[in-house]
N, C-alpha and C. Protein backbone atom coordinates (compact mmCIF):
# COMPACT_ATOMS: atom_id res chain seq x y z
N MET A 1 0.95 2.06 -17.10
CA MET A 1 1.27 1.37 -16.15
C MET A 1 2.34 0.60 -16.33
N PRO A 2 2.44 -0.20 -17.59
CA PRO A 2 3.91 -0.83 -17.62
C PRO A 2 5.04 -0.35 -17.61
N ALA A 3 5.19 0.83 -17.79
CA ALA A 3 6.56 1.57 -18.25
C ALA A 3 6.67 1.84 -16.62
N ARG A 4 5.82 1.98 -16.07
CA ARG A 4 6.38 2.20 -14.33
C ARG A 4 5.33 1.03 -13.42
N PHE A 5 5.92 0.04 -13.79
CA PHE A 5 5.25 -1.01 -12.98
C PHE A 5 5.74 -0.52 -11.63
N SER A 6 5.04 -0.37 -10.83
CA SER A 6 5.40 -0.26 -9.34
C SER A 6 4.31 -0.11 -8.33
N LEU A 7 4.57 0.11 -7.16
CA LEU A 7 3.37 0.45 -6.07
C LEU A 7 2.05 1.81 -6.13
N LEU A 8 2.70 2.43 -7.56
CA LEU A 8 1.79 3.31 -7.67
C LEU A 8 1.06 2.97 -8.74
N SER A 9 1.05 1.60 -9.39
CA SER A 9 0.25 0.98 -10.26
C SER A 9 -1.03 0.16 -9.30
N LEU A 10 -0.79 0.19 -8.31
CA LEU A 10 -2.13 -0.66 -7.46
C LEU A 10 -3.37 -0.42 -7.53
N GLY A 11 -3.28 0.84 -7.97
CA GLY A 11 -4.73 1.39 -7.86
C GLY A 11 -5.65 0.85 -9.07
N LYS A 12 -5.12 1.00 -10.00
CA LYS A 12 -5.18 0.77 -11.62
C LYS A 12 -5.25 -1.18 -11.33
N ILE A 13 -4.30 -1.71 -10.92
CA ILE A 13 -4.93 -3.24 -10.99
C ILE A 13 -5.73 -3.59 -10.06
N LEU A 14 -6.10 -3.14 -8.94
CA LEU A 14 -6.94 -3.64 -8.47
C LEU A 14 -8.65 -3.06 -8.95
N PHE A 15 -8.73 -2.10 -9.25
CA PHE A 15 -10.07 -1.18 -9.56
C PHE A 15 -10.18 -1.64 -10.90
N SER A 16 -8.88 -1.58 -11.98
CA SER A 16 -9.30 -2.12 -13.69
C SER A 16 -8.38 -2.99 -14.08
N PRO A 17 -8.77 -4.20 -13.48
CA PRO A 17 -7.64 -5.23 -13.95
C PRO A 17 -7.47 -5.64 -15.53
N ALA A 18 -8.40 -5.28 -16.00
CA ALA A 18 -8.73 -5.01 -17.37
C ALA A 18 -7.62 -4.54 -18.50
N GLU A 19 -7.62 -3.41 -17.60
CA GLU A 19 -6.57 -2.46 -18.57
C GLU A 19 -5.43 -2.71 -18.18
N ALA A 20 -5.39 -3.08 -16.96
CA ALA A 20 -3.78 -3.50 -16.71
C ALA A 20 -3.36 -4.73 -17.06
N PHE A 21 -4.43 -5.78 -17.57
CA PHE A 21 -3.75 -6.93 -18.23
C PHE A 21 -3.40 -6.24 -19.69
N GLN A 22 -4.27 -5.88 -20.29
CA GLN A 22 -3.89 -5.13 -21.73
C GLN A 22 -2.44 -4.42 -21.77
N ALA A 23 -2.75 -3.50 -20.86
CA ALA A 23 -1.25 -2.91 -21.06
C ALA A 23 0.15 -3.65 -20.67
N VAL A 24 0.02 -4.40 -19.68
CA VAL A 24 1.19 -5.44 -20.11
C VAL A 24 1.52 -6.34 -21.09
N ALA A 25 0.11 -6.50 -21.37
CA ALA A 25 0.44 -7.05 -22.95
C ALA A 25 0.96 -6.22 -23.99
N ASP A 26 0.90 -5.01 -23.86
CA ASP A 26 0.83 -4.03 -25.08
C ASP A 26 2.77 -3.86 -24.95
N GLU A 27 3.14 -3.73 -23.81
CA GLU A 27 4.51 -3.14 -23.33
C GLU A 27 5.60 -4.15 -22.87
N SER A 28 5.17 -5.37 -22.26
CA SER A 28 5.87 -5.89 -21.96
C SER A 28 6.79 -5.41 -20.39
N PRO A 29 6.47 -5.23 -19.65
CA PRO A 29 7.54 -4.76 -18.74
C PRO A 29 8.46 -6.00 -18.39
N PRO A 30 9.95 -5.17 -18.21
CA PRO A 30 11.16 -6.07 -17.83
C PRO A 30 10.68 -7.05 -16.53
N ALA A 31 11.23 -7.88 -16.56
CA ALA A 31 10.86 -8.76 -15.25
C ALA A 31 11.84 -8.51 -13.80
N SER A 32 12.88 -7.60 -13.97
CA SER A 32 13.12 -6.66 -12.91
C SER A 32 12.49 -5.78 -12.23
N ARG A 33 11.80 -5.31 -13.34
CA ARG A 33 11.05 -3.85 -12.66
C ARG A 33 9.76 -4.40 -11.88
N VAL A 34 9.39 -5.62 -12.65
CA VAL A 34 8.17 -6.05 -11.80
C VAL A 34 8.12 -6.57 -10.30
N PHE A 35 9.48 -7.32 -10.49
CA PHE A 35 10.00 -8.10 -8.94
C PHE A 35 10.17 -7.00 -8.36
N PHE A 36 10.93 -5.96 -8.40
CA PHE A 36 11.81 -5.41 -7.36
C PHE A 36 11.03 -3.97 -7.18
N ARG A 37 10.39 -3.68 -7.93
CA ARG A 37 9.32 -2.06 -7.89
C ARG A 37 7.87 -2.81 -7.21
N PHE A 38 7.23 -3.73 -7.42
CA PHE A 38 6.13 -4.21 -6.71
C PHE A 38 6.28 -5.35 -6.68
N ALA A 39 6.46 -6.70 -6.91
CA ALA A 39 6.06 -7.91 -6.28
C ALA A 39 6.47 -8.03 -4.86
N LEU A 40 7.84 -7.60 -4.39
CA LEU A 40 8.76 -7.51 -3.37
C LEU A 40 7.96 -6.84 -2.41
N TRP A 41 7.70 -5.64 -2.87
CA TRP A 41 6.97 -4.59 -1.91
C TRP A 41 5.68 -4.86 -1.29
N ILE A 42 5.08 -5.40 -2.45
CA ILE A 42 3.21 -6.26 -2.18
C ILE A 42 3.28 -7.68 -1.37
N GLY A 43 4.95 -8.24 -1.71
CA GLY A 43 4.74 -9.67 -0.89
C GLY A 43 5.02 -8.83 0.63
N LEU A 44 5.54 -7.90 1.07
CA LEU A 44 5.73 -7.51 2.62
C LEU A 44 4.16 -7.47 3.25
N LEU A 45 3.74 -6.79 2.69
CA LEU A 45 1.88 -6.82 3.41
C LEU A 45 1.75 -7.63 4.35
N PRO A 46 1.17 -8.97 4.01
CA PRO A 46 0.75 -10.13 4.71
C PRO A 46 1.49 -10.30 5.63
N PRO A 47 2.90 -10.62 5.74
CA PRO A 47 3.56 -10.92 6.97
C PRO A 47 3.70 -9.50 7.94
N LEU A 48 3.62 -8.19 7.11
CA LEU A 48 3.54 -7.36 8.15
C LEU A 48 2.31 -7.04 9.03
N PHE A 49 1.60 -7.54 8.41
CA PHE A 49 0.12 -7.44 9.04
C PHE A 49 0.03 -8.45 9.51
N ALA A 50 0.21 -9.65 9.53
CA ALA A 50 0.34 -10.97 10.59
C ALA A 50 1.30 -10.70 11.62
N TYR A 51 2.36 -9.98 11.65
CA TYR A 51 3.29 -9.69 12.68
C TYR A 51 2.57 -8.49 13.76
N VAL A 52 2.06 -7.85 13.07
CA VAL A 52 1.43 -6.79 13.72
C VAL A 52 0.21 -7.04 14.57
N GLY A 53 -0.75 -7.93 14.36
CA GLY A 53 -1.82 -8.64 14.88
C GLY A 53 -1.38 -9.93 15.59
N THR A 54 -0.88 -10.39 15.05
CA THR A 54 -0.03 -11.58 16.25
C THR A 54 0.56 -11.01 17.45
N THR A 55 1.16 -9.85 17.22
CA THR A 55 2.18 -9.35 18.32
C THR A 55 0.96 -8.69 19.58
N LEU A 56 -0.17 -7.85 18.98
CA LEU A 56 -0.82 -7.09 19.56
C LEU A 56 -2.07 -7.75 20.26
N PHE A 57 -2.84 -8.90 19.16
CA PHE A 57 -3.79 -9.56 19.73
C PHE A 57 -3.54 -11.03 20.09
N GLY A 58 -2.79 -11.72 19.38
CA GLY A 58 -2.50 -13.13 19.35
C GLY A 58 -3.63 -13.57 18.57
N TRP A 59 -3.50 -14.86 18.17
CA TRP A 59 -4.57 -15.67 17.29
C TRP A 59 -5.47 -16.54 17.77
N ARG A 60 -6.84 -16.08 17.46
CA ARG A 60 -7.87 -16.31 18.09
C ARG A 60 -8.06 -17.69 16.77
N LEU A 61 -7.76 -18.72 17.79
CA LEU A 61 -8.24 -20.54 16.93
C LEU A 61 -9.37 -21.16 18.20
N GLY A 62 -9.49 -20.33 19.10
CA GLY A 62 -10.77 -20.72 19.91
C GLY A 62 -11.15 -19.46 20.70
N VAL A 63 -11.47 -19.92 21.99
CA VAL A 63 -11.94 -19.11 22.48
C VAL A 63 -10.90 -17.99 23.34
N GLU A 64 -9.54 -18.79 23.81
CA GLU A 64 -8.34 -17.76 24.54
C GLU A 64 -7.63 -17.70 23.05
N PRO A 65 -6.83 -15.95 22.72
CA PRO A 65 -6.06 -15.66 22.11
C PRO A 65 -4.49 -16.74 22.52
N VAL A 66 -4.22 -17.03 21.44
CA VAL A 66 -2.89 -17.52 21.36
C VAL A 66 -1.60 -16.63 21.01
N PHE A 67 -0.47 -16.92 22.01
CA PHE A 67 0.74 -15.50 21.80
C PHE A 67 1.56 -16.59 21.90
N LEU A 68 2.51 -15.73 20.58
CA LEU A 68 3.97 -16.21 20.60
C LEU A 68 5.04 -15.69 20.97
N PRO A 69 6.34 -16.15 21.78
CA PRO A 69 7.28 -15.42 21.72
C PRO A 69 7.88 -14.53 20.56
N GLN A 70 8.27 -13.26 20.83
CA GLN A 70 8.60 -12.62 19.75
C GLN A 70 9.49 -13.20 18.91
N PRO A 71 10.61 -13.31 19.39
CA PRO A 71 11.59 -14.31 17.99
C PRO A 71 11.07 -15.24 17.10
N THR A 72 9.88 -16.45 17.92
CA THR A 72 9.25 -17.27 16.81
C THR A 72 8.29 -16.27 15.76
N VAL A 73 7.77 -15.37 16.27
CA VAL A 73 6.58 -14.60 15.54
C VAL A 73 7.78 -13.88 14.66
N ILE A 74 8.69 -13.42 14.45
CA ILE A 74 9.45 -12.92 13.93
C ILE A 74 10.08 -13.67 12.83
N ALA A 75 10.26 -14.81 13.02
CA ALA A 75 10.69 -16.32 12.32
C ALA A 75 9.50 -16.94 11.55
N ILE A 76 8.66 -16.79 12.22
CA ILE A 76 7.29 -17.40 11.23
C ILE A 76 7.04 -16.31 10.39
N CYS A 77 7.13 -14.94 10.75
CA CYS A 77 6.49 -14.13 9.85
C CYS A 77 7.81 -14.23 8.49
N LEU A 78 9.12 -13.93 8.42
CA LEU A 78 10.01 -14.10 7.69
C LEU A 78 9.50 -15.42 6.80
N ALA A 79 9.33 -16.79 7.34
CA ALA A 79 9.28 -17.86 6.70
C ALA A 79 8.02 -17.62 5.68
N TYR A 80 6.91 -16.94 6.23
CA TYR A 80 5.66 -16.55 5.44
C TYR A 80 6.31 -15.92 4.08
N PHE A 81 7.06 -14.73 4.15
CA PHE A 81 7.60 -13.86 3.13
C PHE A 81 8.32 -14.68 2.24
N ALA A 82 8.91 -15.65 2.44
CA ALA A 82 9.81 -16.44 1.79
C ALA A 82 9.02 -17.53 0.76
N ALA A 83 7.94 -17.71 1.79
CA ALA A 83 7.14 -18.23 0.77
C ALA A 83 6.00 -18.18 -0.49
N LEU A 84 5.72 -16.45 0.20
CA LEU A 84 5.04 -15.89 -0.93
C LEU A 84 5.92 -15.90 -1.90
N LEU A 85 7.12 -15.59 -1.67
CA LEU A 85 7.98 -14.81 -2.82
C LEU A 85 8.41 -16.02 -3.50
N PHE A 86 8.53 -17.13 -2.97
CA PHE A 86 8.95 -18.45 -3.70
C PHE A 86 7.39 -18.86 -4.34
N GLY A 87 6.67 -18.53 -3.90
CA GLY A 87 4.98 -18.88 -4.96
C GLY A 87 5.11 -18.45 -5.88
N PHE A 88 5.28 -16.83 -5.85
CA PHE A 88 5.35 -16.17 -6.90
C PHE A 88 6.21 -15.97 -8.28
N VAL A 89 7.29 -16.38 -7.63
CA VAL A 89 8.46 -16.31 -8.73
C VAL A 89 8.23 -17.67 -9.31
N SER A 90 8.24 -18.72 -8.47
CA SER A 90 8.05 -20.31 -9.22
C SER A 90 6.37 -20.37 -10.03
N SER A 91 5.70 -19.40 -9.56
CA SER A 91 4.69 -19.86 -10.86
C SER A 91 4.87 -18.97 -11.61
N ALA A 92 5.74 -18.07 -12.09
CA ALA A 92 5.76 -17.33 -12.90
C ALA A 92 6.92 -17.98 -13.74
N VAL A 93 7.73 -19.03 -13.39
CA VAL A 93 8.54 -20.12 -13.62
C VAL A 93 7.76 -20.76 -14.68
N VAL A 94 7.09 -21.45 -13.90
CA VAL A 94 6.18 -22.48 -14.33
C VAL A 94 5.47 -22.12 -15.48
N ALA A 95 4.77 -21.09 -15.26
CA ALA A 95 3.87 -20.34 -16.34
C ALA A 95 4.67 -20.28 -17.49
N ARG A 96 6.02 -19.80 -17.52
CA ARG A 96 7.10 -19.37 -18.74
C ARG A 96 7.09 -20.99 -19.40
N TRP A 97 7.70 -22.13 -18.61
CA TRP A 97 7.70 -23.29 -19.37
C TRP A 97 6.33 -23.76 -19.72
N MET A 98 5.74 -23.71 -19.20
CA MET A 98 4.08 -24.22 -19.63
C MET A 98 3.86 -23.54 -21.16
N ALA A 99 4.39 -22.34 -21.08
CA ALA A 99 3.75 -21.31 -22.34
C ALA A 99 3.98 -21.88 -23.98
N VAL A 100 5.30 -22.89 -24.01
CA VAL A 100 5.32 -23.67 -25.38
C VAL A 100 4.56 -24.52 -25.60
N THR A 101 3.97 -25.17 -24.59
CA THR A 101 2.88 -26.02 -25.03
C THR A 101 1.50 -25.34 -25.11
N TYR A 102 1.24 -24.01 -24.76
CA TYR A 102 -0.34 -23.54 -24.70
C TYR A 102 -0.17 -22.64 -25.89
N ASP A 103 1.24 -22.43 -26.66
CA ASP A 103 1.33 -21.32 -27.50
C ASP A 103 1.33 -19.80 -27.16
N ALA A 104 1.60 -19.54 -25.95
CA ALA A 104 1.49 -18.47 -25.74
C ALA A 104 3.13 -17.64 -25.26
N SER A 105 3.18 -16.27 -24.94
CA SER A 105 4.34 -15.77 -24.71
C SER A 105 5.04 -16.48 -23.90
N GLN A 106 6.76 -16.61 -23.43
CA GLN A 106 7.55 -17.02 -23.01
C GLN A 106 8.33 -15.82 -22.17
N SER A 107 7.68 -14.55 -22.57
CA SER A 107 8.57 -13.39 -21.89
C SER A 107 8.32 -13.65 -20.34
N LEU A 108 9.52 -13.93 -19.28
CA LEU A 108 9.17 -13.64 -17.72
C LEU A 108 8.39 -12.60 -17.60
N GLY A 109 9.05 -11.53 -17.88
CA GLY A 109 8.23 -10.26 -17.58
C GLY A 109 6.59 -10.45 -17.38
N ARG A 110 6.50 -10.51 -18.81
CA ARG A 110 4.91 -11.24 -18.35
C ARG A 110 4.22 -11.93 -17.51
N CYS A 111 5.03 -12.87 -17.81
CA CYS A 111 4.39 -14.15 -16.52
C CYS A 111 4.48 -13.30 -15.13
N LEU A 112 5.72 -12.74 -14.78
CA LEU A 112 5.74 -12.27 -13.45
C LEU A 112 4.62 -11.05 -13.00
N ALA A 113 4.69 -10.26 -13.83
CA ALA A 113 3.41 -9.46 -14.14
C ALA A 113 2.11 -10.12 -13.76
N LEU A 114 2.07 -11.21 -14.59
CA LEU A 114 0.20 -11.51 -14.44
C LEU A 114 0.16 -12.33 -13.40
N MET A 115 1.39 -12.73 -12.70
CA MET A 115 1.34 -13.36 -11.40
C MET A 115 1.24 -12.31 -10.10
N ALA A 116 1.86 -11.06 -10.62
CA ALA A 116 1.98 -9.80 -9.60
C ALA A 116 0.49 -9.19 -9.71
N ILE A 117 -0.52 -9.13 -10.78
CA ILE A 117 -1.90 -8.63 -10.96
C ILE A 117 -2.36 -9.48 -10.22
N VAL A 118 -2.64 -10.59 -10.32
CA VAL A 118 -3.60 -11.93 -10.12
C VAL A 118 -3.29 -11.75 -8.55
N GLY A 119 -2.07 -11.46 -7.80
CA GLY A 119 -2.07 -12.05 -6.56
C GLY A 119 -2.10 -10.97 -5.53
N ALA A 120 -2.35 -9.41 -6.47
CA ALA A 120 -1.93 -8.18 -5.66
C ALA A 120 -3.55 -8.08 -4.48
N PRO A 121 -4.89 -8.89 -4.97
CA PRO A 121 -6.08 -8.73 -4.08
C PRO A 121 -5.85 -9.64 -3.15
N LEU A 122 -5.14 -10.49 -3.10
CA LEU A 122 -4.82 -11.17 -2.23
C LEU A 122 -3.84 -10.67 -1.17
N ALA A 123 -2.98 -10.04 -1.29
CA ALA A 123 -2.03 -9.43 -0.02
C ALA A 123 -2.57 -8.27 0.23
N ILE A 124 -3.86 -7.36 -0.83
CA ILE A 124 -4.69 -6.47 0.05
C ILE A 124 -5.37 -7.29 0.61
N GLY A 125 -6.02 -8.42 0.65
CA GLY A 125 -6.97 -8.78 1.49
C GLY A 125 -6.43 -9.04 2.70
N SER A 126 -5.08 -9.45 2.97
CA SER A 126 -4.21 -9.73 3.98
C SER A 126 -4.35 -8.83 5.18
N ILE A 127 -5.01 -8.10 5.02
CA ILE A 127 -4.87 -6.81 5.98
C ILE A 127 -6.01 -7.27 7.42
N VAL A 128 -6.91 -8.29 6.47
CA VAL A 128 -7.63 -9.13 7.90
C VAL A 128 -6.75 -9.78 8.76
N HIS A 129 -5.74 -9.92 8.64
CA HIS A 129 -4.56 -10.39 9.50
C HIS A 129 -4.37 -9.66 10.76
N LEU A 130 -4.57 -8.24 10.53
CA LEU A 130 -4.14 -7.26 11.96
C LEU A 130 -5.46 -7.58 13.01
N PHE A 131 -6.39 -8.42 12.48
CA PHE A 131 -7.31 -9.12 13.75
C PHE A 131 -7.32 -10.65 13.49
N PRO A 132 -6.16 -11.29 14.03
CA PRO A 132 -5.97 -12.53 13.19
C PRO A 132 -7.02 -13.58 14.29
N HIS A 133 -8.12 -13.52 13.71
CA HIS A 133 -9.33 -14.17 14.09
C HIS A 133 -9.17 -15.71 12.76
N ALA A 134 -9.02 -16.84 13.24
CA ALA A 134 -9.05 -17.81 12.39
C ALA A 134 -10.15 -17.92 11.55
N PHE A 135 -11.61 -18.01 11.93
CA PHE A 135 -12.89 -17.74 11.38
C PHE A 135 -12.80 -16.30 10.60
N LEU A 136 -12.56 -15.31 10.70
CA LEU A 136 -12.50 -14.19 10.14
C LEU A 136 -11.72 -14.01 9.16
N ASN A 137 -10.50 -14.41 9.18
CA ASN A 137 -9.56 -14.71 8.17
C ASN A 137 -10.15 -15.54 7.19
N VAL A 138 -10.46 -16.57 7.32
CA VAL A 138 -11.00 -17.63 6.08
C VAL A 138 -12.43 -16.83 5.69
N LEU A 139 -13.13 -16.24 6.05
CA LEU A 139 -14.28 -15.47 5.80
C LEU A 139 -13.75 -14.41 4.30
N VAL A 140 -12.85 -13.78 4.78
CA VAL A 140 -12.30 -13.09 4.22
C VAL A 140 -11.31 -13.10 2.78
N LEU A 141 -10.62 -14.18 3.56
CA LEU A 141 -9.41 -14.58 2.32
C LEU A 141 -9.86 -15.79 1.47
N VAL A 142 -10.89 -16.42 1.90
CA VAL A 142 -11.44 -17.26 0.39
C VAL A 142 -12.13 -16.64 -0.70
N PRO A 143 -13.24 -15.56 -0.66
CA PRO A 143 -13.52 -15.01 -1.50
C PRO A 143 -12.54 -14.16 -2.33
N VAL A 144 -11.83 -13.75 -1.68
CA VAL A 144 -10.47 -12.86 -2.63
C VAL A 144 -9.57 -13.78 -3.00
N LEU A 145 -9.73 -15.31 -2.40
CA LEU A 145 -8.88 -16.13 -3.65
C LEU A 145 -9.77 -16.73 -4.42
N ILE A 146 -11.04 -16.80 -4.56
CA ILE A 146 -12.03 -17.06 -5.84
C ILE A 146 -11.61 -15.67 -6.78
N TRP A 147 -11.64 -14.84 -6.69
CA TRP A 147 -11.29 -13.50 -7.35
C TRP A 147 -10.21 -13.41 -7.75
N CYS A 148 -9.14 -13.97 -6.98
CA CYS A 148 -7.63 -13.92 -7.85
C CYS A 148 -7.53 -15.15 -8.86
N MET A 149 -8.37 -16.27 -8.72
CA MET A 149 -8.79 -17.30 -9.67
C MET A 149 -9.24 -16.90 -11.10
N TYR A 150 -10.66 -15.87 -10.76
CA TYR A 150 -11.00 -15.43 -11.90
C TYR A 150 -10.51 -14.60 -12.38
N LEU A 151 -9.35 -13.50 -12.00
CA LEU A 151 -8.72 -13.06 -12.64
C LEU A 151 -7.54 -13.63 -13.72
N LEU A 152 -6.50 -14.80 -12.90
CA LEU A 152 -6.00 -15.70 -13.50
C LEU A 152 -6.64 -16.23 -15.16
N TYR A 153 -7.71 -16.14 -14.73
CA TYR A 153 -8.49 -17.18 -15.94
C TYR A 153 -8.82 -15.96 -17.08
N ARG A 154 -9.24 -15.02 -16.63
CA ARG A 154 -9.34 -13.70 -17.40
C ARG A 154 -8.06 -12.99 -18.06
N GLY A 155 -7.23 -12.83 -17.20
CA GLY A 155 -5.69 -12.09 -17.75
C GLY A 155 -5.20 -13.48 -18.49
N LEU A 156 -4.78 -14.01 -18.32
CA LEU A 156 -3.65 -15.21 -18.94
C LEU A 156 -3.68 -14.95 -20.26
N PRO A 157 -4.70 -15.07 -21.21
CA PRO A 157 -4.90 -15.40 -22.58
C PRO A 157 -4.46 -13.82 -23.28
N VAL A 158 -4.80 -12.96 -22.23
CA VAL A 158 -4.48 -11.29 -22.43
C VAL A 158 -3.40 -10.98 -22.68
N VAL A 159 -2.63 -11.59 -21.20
CA VAL A 159 -1.35 -11.10 -21.23
C VAL A 159 -0.21 -12.01 -22.17
N LEU A 160 -0.30 -13.33 -22.11
CA LEU A 160 0.27 -14.14 -22.48
C LEU A 160 0.11 -14.56 -24.10
N GLY A 161 -0.84 -13.73 -24.60
CA GLY A 161 -1.10 -13.79 -25.89
C GLY A 161 -1.68 -14.67 -26.67
N THR A 162 -2.76 -15.67 -25.60
CA THR A 162 -2.96 -17.01 -26.50
C THR A 162 -4.48 -16.84 -26.82
N GLY A 163 -4.95 -18.28 -27.09
CA GLY A 163 -6.22 -18.11 -27.36
C GLY A 163 -7.18 -18.63 -26.04
N PRO A 164 -8.46 -18.14 -26.18
CA PRO A 164 -9.01 -18.53 -24.54
C PRO A 164 -9.07 -19.88 -24.33
N ASN A 165 -9.52 -20.62 -25.04
CA ASN A 165 -9.17 -22.10 -24.82
C ASN A 165 -7.71 -22.62 -24.10
N ARG A 166 -6.87 -22.39 -25.05
CA ARG A 166 -5.48 -22.85 -24.30
C ARG A 166 -5.53 -21.60 -23.01
N GLY A 167 -6.01 -20.71 -22.87
CA GLY A 167 -5.82 -20.11 -21.62
C GLY A 167 -6.13 -20.45 -20.47
N MET A 168 -7.53 -21.17 -21.03
CA MET A 168 -8.19 -21.70 -19.88
C MET A 168 -7.40 -22.69 -19.50
N LEU A 169 -7.03 -23.69 -20.13
CA LEU A 169 -6.24 -24.72 -19.80
C LEU A 169 -4.85 -24.59 -18.95
N MET A 170 -4.59 -23.16 -19.79
CA MET A 170 -3.20 -23.01 -18.77
C MET A 170 -3.39 -22.50 -17.80
N ALA A 171 -4.47 -21.46 -17.24
CA ALA A 171 -4.67 -21.41 -16.04
C ALA A 171 -4.86 -22.17 -15.15
N SER A 172 -5.90 -23.21 -15.74
CA SER A 172 -6.44 -24.79 -14.81
C SER A 172 -4.87 -25.47 -14.30
N ALA A 173 -4.07 -25.54 -15.18
CA ALA A 173 -2.88 -26.24 -14.89
C ALA A 173 -2.21 -25.49 -13.96
N LEU A 174 -1.82 -23.81 -13.95
CA LEU A 174 -1.62 -23.08 -12.88
C LEU A 174 -2.14 -23.32 -11.35
N ILE A 175 -3.27 -23.25 -11.62
CA ILE A 175 -3.92 -23.29 -10.35
C ILE A 175 -4.00 -25.05 -9.70
N ALA A 176 -3.67 -25.94 -10.57
CA ALA A 176 -3.03 -27.47 -10.01
C ALA A 176 -1.98 -27.35 -9.24
N TYR A 177 -0.94 -26.39 -10.21
CA TYR A 177 0.74 -26.53 -9.47
C TYR A 177 0.59 -26.10 -7.83
N LEU A 178 -0.77 -24.61 -8.04
CA LEU A 178 -0.23 -23.76 -6.84
C LEU A 178 -1.19 -24.70 -5.78
N PHE A 179 -2.15 -25.41 -5.97
CA PHE A 179 -2.43 -26.33 -4.91
C PHE A 179 -1.46 -27.13 -4.68
N VAL A 180 -1.04 -27.97 -5.59
CA VAL A 180 -0.07 -29.08 -5.17
C VAL A 180 1.03 -28.69 -4.08
N ALA A 181 1.47 -27.34 -4.49
CA ALA A 181 2.97 -26.56 -3.64
C ALA A 181 2.40 -26.32 -2.38
N PHE A 182 0.76 -25.94 -2.52
CA PHE A 182 -0.28 -25.47 -0.55
C PHE A 182 -0.08 -26.53 0.08
N VAL A 183 -0.76 -28.00 -0.77
CA VAL A 183 -0.65 -29.16 0.23
C VAL A 183 0.62 -29.49 0.57
N SER A 184 1.91 -29.10 -0.32
CA SER A 184 2.83 -29.64 0.01
C SER A 184 3.53 -28.73 1.22
N LEU A 185 3.43 -28.22 0.96
CA LEU A 185 3.79 -27.08 2.34
C LEU A 185 3.25 -27.39 3.41
N LEU A 186 1.89 -27.65 3.45
CA LEU A 186 1.10 -27.71 4.50
C LEU A 186 1.71 -29.53 5.14
N GLY A 187 2.09 -30.42 4.56
CA GLY A 187 2.32 -31.78 4.64
C GLY A 187 4.03 -31.27 5.61
N ILE A 188 5.12 -30.92 4.89
CA ILE A 188 6.16 -30.63 5.75
C ILE A 188 6.20 -29.69 6.71
N THR A 189 5.41 -28.70 6.75
CA THR A 189 4.86 -28.14 8.54
C THR A 189 4.22 -29.23 9.31
N VAL A 190 3.42 -29.67 9.13
CA VAL A 190 2.99 -30.86 10.13
C VAL A 190 4.15 -31.95 10.33
N ALA A 191 4.88 -32.05 9.35
CA ALA A 191 6.16 -33.31 9.52
C ALA A 191 7.19 -32.76 10.71
N LEU A 192 7.35 -30.97 10.34
CA LEU A 192 8.24 -30.73 11.60
C LEU A 192 7.83 -30.36 12.51
N TRP A 193 6.27 -30.38 12.47
CA TRP A 193 5.77 -29.91 14.12
C TRP A 193 5.49 -31.12 14.65
N GLY A 194 5.17 -32.31 14.11
CA GLY A 194 4.94 -33.64 14.47
C GLY A 194 6.79 -34.00 14.95
N SER A 195 7.95 -33.13 14.48
CA SER A 195 9.36 -33.80 14.96
C SER A 195 9.43 -32.90 15.71
N GLY A 196 8.59 -32.22 16.57
CA GLY A 196 9.27 -31.31 17.48
C GLY A 196 9.80 -29.53 17.14
N ILE A 197 9.61 -29.63 15.97
CA ILE A 197 10.17 -28.44 15.59
C ILE A 197 9.39 -27.80 14.90
N GLY A 198 8.90 -26.66 16.29
CA GLY A 198 7.64 -25.88 16.08
C GLY A 198 7.28 -24.61 16.96
N PRO A 199 6.71 -23.75 16.99
CA PRO A 199 6.83 -22.76 18.17
C PRO A 199 6.01 -23.00 18.85
N GLN A 200 7.07 -22.42 20.29
CA GLN A 200 5.95 -22.75 22.25
C GLN A 200 5.23 -22.05 21.79
N ILE A 201 3.88 -22.38 22.05
CA ILE A 201 2.72 -21.59 22.08
C ILE A 201 2.67 -20.99 23.76
N GLY A 202 2.06 -19.88 24.15
CA GLY A 202 1.43 -19.73 25.47
C GLY A 202 0.47 -18.80 25.26
N THR A 203 -0.39 -18.49 26.12
CA THR A 203 -1.56 -17.58 26.19
C THR A 203 -1.43 -16.87 27.65
C-alpha cells in the first residue's frame, strides 16, 4: 500500500487498518504522494456529498427543508473543503512537532499517512450528507468519529514508532488539538453570522 498510497488503497485502509498502519511504518510514503494521490481527493467527498444533498433536498433542521442560493452553497462547500484540508495538514504538522516530546518518528509523510488513514472512515461516512437531515447526520457521524479516534489510538504507536503509553498520550494531545480547533472554528462562524456575514436562507 505505501508504495501506491492512493484511492486504490481505500479498501485496505477501511477494512484492514492494522495492515495499512504496518505498511506505512515499514515503508514511510513521501508526503507529496499521500497528499496529492489520496488526501486531496478523499477530502473532496464530504463537500461533494453536501453540495448534492443541499441542492436536491435542502437541510432538514426542523420540519421544513432549508434551501440556500446556489452561489452560497458553492461558497460553503469550498469553505468546507478548505477547512478539511487545513485540519488534515495542520494535524500532521502538529503530530510531527509533538514527535520530539513523545520519542516518535518525525517523518511528515508518516504523519500525513496516519491522519489520512484515521480520517478515511469519516470521509466515507459523510455520504450521509446526500440526505442532509441534521439528526440523521449526527446519528451516523458520531459513531464514525469515535471509530476514527480508536484508529488514532491504535495506529499512532505503530506508524510513528513509539511506545504504547507514549502513543496514547500523543494521540490524546492530538485529539485535544482537534477539539480546540473545531470549537474555535465554531466560534469564528458564530461571530461572523452575528455580524451579518452569513448565507441568506430561503424555504
